Amino acid sequence: MAAIKIEKTGIEGLVIVHPQVFGDERGYFMETYNQQTFNEAGLDMVFVQDNESRSRKGVLRGLHFQTQHSQGKLVRATEGTVWDVGVDLRAGSPTYGKWAGVTLSAENHTMFYIPEGFAHGFVVLSETATFNYKCTDFYHPEYDGGVRWNDPDIGVEWPVDDLDSLILSEKDEKQPFLKDVRDQLQF
């Protein structure tokens, strides 16, 4: 059975997952998810939905969450490179409003687990990126929520030279600040 290495971020539950990769002159093989291996590492979530997105350089998606039916997400880049971020929105958490980020790429095979009660977002650093999500609950558009990607109270340090050149959806450009939705969050 392939092993995984769990790297803590300093925020309870938000972890970086390094799978074991077997490579030779033909290419590589890795298990991207094995329930037994994850359970042995203390990650006992159950996934019910897989998603995939493809974006071009400079696209920033996030910071998203669901106000009900919160989703835990195991994410990875299968093409290209992204900077991925999780923000703790759990009421009463000692790290409420804190974030951690990691570079995910097709080359480093790193994965990031963002638990329920977190906002999630990423920015594409390569020419294009294909991004995969395993989710612990089904998506419910009526509970879609988000906070501003550049909220100064959160202070995500996006590794982009020109923040004005980022490509955002209309929805993400208009997301509220955390201080304006704090009372609506029930994680």
Protein backbone atom coordinates (compact mmCIF):
# COMPACT_ATOMS: atom_id res chain seq x y z
CA MET A 1 0.00 0.00 0.00
CA ALA A 2 1.32 3.42 -0.92
CA ALA A 3 1.98 5.79 1.95
CA ILE A 4 1.20 9.47 2.27
CA LYS A 5 2.99 12.11 4.26
CA ILE A 6 0.87 14.68 6.09
CA GLU A 7 2.31 18.17 6.59
CA LYS A 8 0.55 20.39 9.13
CA THR A 9 -0.09 24.05 8.32
CA GLY A 10 -0.57 25.40 11.83
CA ILE A 11 -4.35 25.52 11.30
CA GLU A 12 -6.16 22.51 12.76
CA GLY A 13 -7.46 20.20 10.01
CA LEU A 14 -5.92 22.13 7.11
CA VAL A 15 -3.15 19.85 5.86
CA ILE A 16 -0.82 19.35 2.93
CA VAL A 17 -0.76 15.80 1.59
CA HIS A 18 2.32 14.38 -0.11
CA PRO A 19 1.56 11.07 -1.86
CA GLN A 20 4.22 8.48 -2.52
CA VAL A 21 5.17 8.67 -6.20
CA PHE A 22 6.79 5.73 -7.99
CA GLY A 23 8.70 6.83 -11.07
CA ASP A 24 11.01 5.35 -13.66
CA GLU A 25 11.91 5.90 -17.30
CA ARG A 26 8.29 5.16 -18.33
CA GLY A 27 6.76 7.88 -16.17
CA TYR A 28 5.19 7.62 -12.72
CA PHE A 29 2.39 6.02 -10.69
CA MET A 30 0.74 7.23 -7.51
CA GLU A 31 -2.43 6.66 -5.54
CA THR A 32 -4.27 9.95 -5.36
CA TYR A 33 -6.73 8.64 -2.81
CA ASN A 34 -6.96 5.43 -0.80
CA GLN A 35 -9.52 5.47 2.01
CA GLN A 36 -7.53 3.07 4.19
CA THR A 37 -4.27 5.02 3.80
CA PHE A 38 -6.02 8.33 4.54
CA ASN A 39 -7.81 6.86 7.57
CA GLU A 40 -4.49 5.54 8.92
CA ALA A 41 -3.11 9.10 8.57
CA GLY A 42 -6.02 10.48 10.61
CA LEU A 43 -8.01 11.77 7.63
CA ASP A 44 -11.35 9.98 7.86
CA MET A 45 -13.46 12.07 5.52
CA VAL A 46 -15.80 10.48 2.98
CA PHE A 47 -15.93 11.94 -0.53
CA VAL A 48 -19.18 12.08 -2.52
CA GLN A 49 -18.38 14.30 -5.51
CA ASP A 50 -15.41 15.00 -7.80
CA ASN A 51 -15.02 18.29 -9.70
CA GLU A 52 -12.52 19.58 -12.24
CA SER A 53 -11.80 23.05 -13.56
CA ARG A 54 -9.39 24.37 -16.16
CA SER A 55 -8.18 27.95 -16.12
CA ARG A 56 -5.60 30.17 -17.75
CA LYS A 57 -2.78 32.13 -16.16
CA GLY A 58 -3.89 34.87 -13.82
CA VAL A 59 -7.34 33.41 -13.12
CA LEU A 60 -8.20 33.65 -9.44
CA ARG A 61 -11.12 31.56 -8.18
CA GLY A 62 -12.30 32.22 -4.64
CA LEU A 63 -12.53 32.61 -1.78
CA HIS A 64 -15.57 30.28 -1.79
CA PHE A 65 -17.55 28.25 0.76
CA GLN A 66 -21.06 26.93 1.28
CA THR A 67 -23.08 28.43 4.15
CA GLN A 68 -24.83 25.08 4.64
CA HIS A 69 -23.71 21.64 3.42
CA SER A 70 -20.13 22.81 3.89
CA GLN A 71 -17.66 20.87 1.76
CA GLY A 72 -14.29 19.49 2.75
CA LYS A 73 -12.08 19.43 -0.35
CA LEU A 74 -9.01 17.41 -1.28
CA VAL A 75 -7.51 19.39 -4.16
CA ARG A 76 -4.63 18.98 -6.59
CA ALA A 77 -3.37 20.29 -9.92
CA THR A 78 -3.14 17.65 -12.64
CA GLU A 79 -1.81 20.13 -15.20
CA GLY A 80 0.13 23.31 -14.54
CA THR A 81 0.71 25.16 -11.27
CA VAL A 82 -1.58 26.97 -8.84
CA TRP A 83 -1.21 28.73 -5.50
CA ASP A 84 -3.97 27.29 -3.33
CA VAL A 85 -5.37 28.82 -0.14
CA GLY A 86 -7.63 27.75 2.73
CA VAL A 87 -9.08 30.29 5.20
CA ASP A 88 -10.45 29.19 8.59
CA LEU A 89 -14.03 30.44 9.04
CA ARG A 90 -15.01 28.16 11.95
CA ALA A 91 -16.65 30.15 14.74
CA GLY A 92 -14.67 29.89 17.96
CA SER A 93 -11.57 28.54 16.24
CA PRO A 94 -8.32 30.00 17.63
CA THR A 95 -7.22 30.46 14.00
CA TYR A 96 -10.46 32.07 12.76
CA GLY A 97 -9.69 34.30 9.76
CA LYS A 98 -6.18 32.85 9.35
CA TRP A 99 -5.04 31.33 6.08
CA ALA A 100 -2.45 28.92 4.76
CA GLY A 101 -1.36 28.37 1.19
CA VAL A 102 0.65 25.90 -0.85
CA THR A 103 1.89 25.52 -4.41
CA LEU A 104 0.17 22.62 -6.15
CA SER A 105 1.48 21.41 -9.48
CA ALA A 106 1.42 18.47 -11.84
CA GLU A 107 5.15 18.14 -11.14
CA ASN A 108 5.13 18.14 -7.32
CA HIS A 109 1.96 15.97 -7.01
CA THR A 110 1.12 17.75 -3.75
CA MET A 111 -2.47 17.78 -2.53
CA PHE A 112 -4.19 20.09 -0.03
CA TYR A 113 -7.07 19.14 2.26
CA ILE A 114 -9.38 22.03 3.11
CA PRO A 115 -11.90 20.91 5.78
CA GLU A 116 -15.52 21.93 6.18
CA GLY A 117 -15.82 25.44 7.58
CA PHE A 118 -13.07 26.93 5.41
CA ALA A 119 -13.11 29.29 2.45
CA HIS A 120 -11.05 28.09 -0.51
CA GLY A 121 -9.43 29.75 -3.48
CA PHE A 122 -6.56 29.52 -5.91
CA VAL A 123 -4.71 31.50 -8.55
CA VAL A 124 -3.19 29.98 -11.69
CA LEU A 125 0.56 30.60 -12.00
CA SER A 126 1.28 28.59 -15.19
CA GLU A 127 -0.06 29.23 -18.71
CA THR A 128 -2.99 26.89 -17.94
CA ALA A 129 -3.95 24.61 -15.07
CA THR A 130 -6.34 21.74 -14.59
CA PHE A 131 -7.54 21.51 -11.01
CA ASN A 132 -9.27 18.54 -9.36
CA TYR A 133 -11.44 18.56 -6.23
CA LYS A 134 -12.75 15.63 -4.18
CA CYS A 135 -15.64 16.93 -2.03
CA THR A 136 -17.22 15.62 1.18
CA ASP A 137 -20.70 16.96 0.38
CA PHE A 138 -22.68 17.73 -2.71
CA TYR A 139 -22.66 21.23 -4.14
CA HIS A 140 -25.80 23.21 -3.30
CA PRO A 141 -25.84 26.47 -5.30
CA GLU A 142 -28.44 28.02 -3.00
CA TYR A 143 -25.85 27.97 -0.17
CA ASP A 144 -23.01 29.40 -2.22
CA GLY A 145 -20.96 31.96 -0.32
CA GLY A 146 -17.67 33.74 -0.45
CA VAL A 147 -15.45 36.47 0.87
CA ARG A 148 -13.31 38.97 -0.98
CA TRP A 149 -10.05 37.47 -2.30
CA ASN A 150 -8.14 40.58 -1.18
CA ASP A 151 -9.85 41.12 2.19
CA PRO A 152 -7.30 43.05 4.29
CA ASP A 153 -8.52 41.37 7.49
CA ILE A 154 -7.51 37.99 6.02
CA GLY A 155 -4.41 39.23 4.18
CA VAL A 156 -3.74 36.38 1.75
CA GLU A 157 -0.36 36.92 0.10
CA TRP A 158 -1.07 35.96 -3.50
CA PRO A 159 2.25 35.27 -5.31
CA VAL A 160 1.43 37.44 -8.31
CA ASP A 161 3.47 40.43 -9.48
CA ASP A 162 0.51 42.50 -10.67
CA LEU A 163 -2.67 41.97 -8.64
CA ASP A 164 -4.52 44.35 -10.98
CA SER A 165 -3.99 41.87 -13.83
CA LEU A 166 -5.87 39.03 -12.10
CA ILE A 167 -8.86 37.59 -13.92
CA LEU A 168 -11.91 37.20 -11.66
CA SER A 169 -15.52 36.28 -12.23
CA GLU A 170 -18.06 39.03 -11.74
CA LYS A 171 -19.23 37.20 -8.62
CA ASP A 172 -15.72 37.11 -7.12
CA GLU A 173 -15.16 40.80 -7.83
CA LYS A 174 -18.23 41.61 -5.70
CA GLN A 175 -17.79 39.19 -2.78
CA PRO A 176 -18.29 40.76 0.66
CA PHE A 177 -15.59 41.27 3.26
CA LEU A 178 -15.35 38.76 6.10
CA LYS A 179 -16.43 41.35 8.70
CA ASP A 180 -19.69 41.79 6.74
CA VAL A 181 -20.64 38.07 6.69
CA ARG A 182 -19.16 36.87 9.99
CA ASP A 183 -22.59 36.67 11.69
CA GLN A 184 -24.02 34.59 8.83
CA LEU A 185 -21.41 31.84 9.12
CA GLN A 186 -22.43 28.82 11.17
CA PHE A 187 -19.49 26.44 10.85
